[in-house]
Protein backbone atom coordinates (compact mmCIF):
# COMPACT_ATOMS: atom_id res chain seq x y z
CA UNK A 1 94.26 134.20 151.41
CA UNK A 2 91.61 136.64 152.49
CA UNK A 3 88.02 135.44 152.74
CA UNK A 4 86.29 138.45 154.26
CA UNK A 5 85.20 141.49 152.34
CA UNK A 6 83.33 144.22 154.20
CA UNK A 7 82.08 141.73 156.77
CA UNK A 8 80.79 139.17 154.31
CA UNK A 9 82.22 136.21 152.50
CA UNK A 10 82.44 136.24 148.75
CA UNK A 11 80.88 133.11 147.31
CA UNK A 12 83.87 132.59 145.04
CA UNK A 13 86.11 132.35 148.12
CA UNK A 14 83.88 129.66 149.60
CA UNK A 15 83.97 127.80 146.30
CA UNK A 16 87.77 128.09 146.18
CA UNK A 17 87.98 126.76 149.72
CA UNK A 18 85.71 123.82 148.84
CA UNK A 19 87.92 123.00 145.86
CA UNK A 20 91.03 123.04 148.04
CA UNK A 21 89.31 120.75 150.54
CA UNK A 22 88.39 118.25 147.83
CA UNK A 23 91.92 118.29 146.41
CA UNK A 24 93.47 117.70 149.82
CA UNK A 25 90.93 114.99 150.64
CA UNK A 26 91.84 113.21 147.40
CA UNK A 27 95.53 113.51 148.25
CA UNK A 28 94.89 112.03 151.69
CA UNK A 29 92.94 109.08 150.25
CA UNK A 30 95.64 108.36 147.66
CA UNK A 31 98.37 108.58 150.27
CA UNK A 32 96.47 106.14 152.49
CA UNK A 33 95.89 103.73 149.60
CA UNK A 34 99.61 103.73 148.79
CA UNK A 35 100.74 103.34 152.42
CA UNK A 36 98.35 103.43 155.39
CA UNK A 37 101.35 104.04 157.67
CA UNK A 38 102.73 107.00 155.73
CA UNK A 39 103.85 109.63 158.25
CA UNK A 40 102.53 112.36 155.94
CA UNK A 41 98.95 111.21 156.57
CA UNK A 42 98.81 113.01 159.90
CA UNK A 43 100.04 116.29 158.42
CA UNK A 44 97.59 116.02 155.51
CA UNK A 45 94.74 115.24 157.89
CA UNK A 46 95.59 118.21 160.10
CA UNK A 47 95.71 120.53 157.10
CA UNK A 48 92.36 119.20 155.95
CA UNK A 49 90.90 119.80 159.41
CA UNK A 50 92.05 123.42 159.30
CA UNK A 51 90.45 123.98 155.90
CA UNK A 52 87.21 122.33 157.02
CA UNK A 53 87.12 124.54 160.12
CA UNK A 54 87.71 127.63 157.99
CA UNK A 55 84.90 126.61 155.65
CA UNK A 56 82.56 126.11 158.60
CA UNK A 57 83.43 129.57 159.98
CA UNK A 58 83.03 131.17 156.57
CA UNK A 59 79.65 129.61 155.97
CA UNK A 60 78.47 130.48 159.47
CA UNK A 61 79.52 134.11 158.99
CA UNK A 62 77.80 134.23 155.62
CA UNK A 63 74.50 133.21 157.22
CA UNK A 64 74.62 135.94 159.89
CA UNK A 65 72.16 138.78 159.30
CA UNK A 66 73.75 141.96 158.03
């Protein structure tokens, strides 16, 4: 997925990223509720961390003066 367009972030891409984060967060919570020792929790958490980092970078880049 490409988030940059001519040096700026399209707001729809940020919104898409936020939706993916919420979906993965929900999946992580449900997995934990079903089995707190599920080995998939670590992988889900790491994927969520990557998406959160990407969102942070995207929002930081969006705020930079053009």
